Amino acid sequence: MQMLTGIDQSDYSKLEKGRRYYTFEQCRKIAIALNTSMDYLAGLTDVKEPYPRKSANQ
């Protein structure tokens, strides 16, 4: 996941364990890496497919 998002492994571990909150940018990078939406990651929708994007790097 570190290679896909650029998030340090120890920081990502803290995020997974709930010891740290996601920043907007971290959430955005994870959504792009997992090809989903930030709404899906936040539990605001059951639709896993991402919204249309201009490019994968945005």
Protein backbone atom coordinates (compact mmCIF):
# COMPACT_ATOMS: atom_id res chain seq x y z
CA MET A 1 0.00 0.00 0.00
CA GLN A 2 2.92 2.32 0.68
CA MET A 3 4.05 2.00 -2.92
CA LEU A 4 0.54 2.79 -4.21
CA THR A 5 -0.18 5.73 -1.90
CA GLY A 6 3.15 7.08 -0.71
CA ILE A 7 1.88 6.82 2.88
CA ASP A 8 4.57 5.59 5.27
CA GLN A 9 3.97 2.02 6.46
CA SER A 10 3.96 2.94 10.14
CA ASP A 11 1.48 5.79 9.51
CA TYR A 12 -0.74 3.48 7.46
CA SER A 13 -0.69 0.91 10.26
CA LYS A 14 -1.84 3.58 12.74
CA LEU A 15 -4.64 4.57 10.35
CA GLU A 16 -5.80 0.94 10.06
CA LYS A 17 -5.79 0.49 13.83
CA GLY A 18 -7.69 3.72 14.44
CA ARG A 19 -4.80 5.33 16.30
CA ARG A 20 -4.66 8.15 13.80
CA TYR A 21 -7.18 9.90 11.57
CA TYR A 22 -6.87 10.11 7.80
CA THR A 23 -6.05 13.44 6.28
CA PHE A 24 -8.01 14.47 3.21
CA GLU A 25 -4.98 13.80 1.02
CA GLN A 26 -4.35 10.35 2.52
CA CYS A 27 -7.98 9.39 2.00
CA ARG A 28 -7.81 10.65 -1.58
CA LYS A 29 -4.65 8.62 -2.30
CA ILE A 30 -6.17 5.46 -0.79
CA ALA A 31 -9.38 5.88 -2.80
CA ILE A 32 -7.36 6.23 -6.00
CA ALA A 33 -5.15 3.21 -5.13
CA LEU A 34 -8.22 1.05 -4.39
CA ASN A 35 -10.17 2.42 -7.37
CA THR A 36 -13.09 3.53 -5.24
CA SER A 37 -14.54 6.78 -3.88
CA MET A 38 -13.81 8.61 -0.67
CA ASP A 39 -17.54 8.32 0.12
CA TYR A 40 -17.21 4.52 -0.02
CA LEU A 41 -14.18 4.57 2.29
CA ALA A 42 -16.13 6.76 4.74
CA GLY A 43 -19.12 4.42 4.69
CA LEU A 44 -21.40 7.03 3.12
CA THR A 45 -22.34 4.78 0.20
CA ASP A 46 -22.46 1.07 -0.60
CA VAL A 47 -21.41 1.74 -4.20
CA LYS A 48 -17.78 0.71 -4.52
CA GLU A 49 -17.26 2.05 -8.07
CA PRO A 50 -15.55 5.44 -8.13
CA TYR A 51 -17.03 8.55 -9.64
CA PRO A 52 -15.72 9.37 -13.12
CA ARG A 53 -12.24 10.87 -12.89
CA LYS A 54 -10.26 13.07 -15.25
CA SER A 55 -7.20 10.85 -14.77
CA ALA A 56 -5.90 8.33 -12.23
CA ASN A 57 -3.41 10.86 -10.83
CA GLN A 58 -5.97 13.39 -9.64
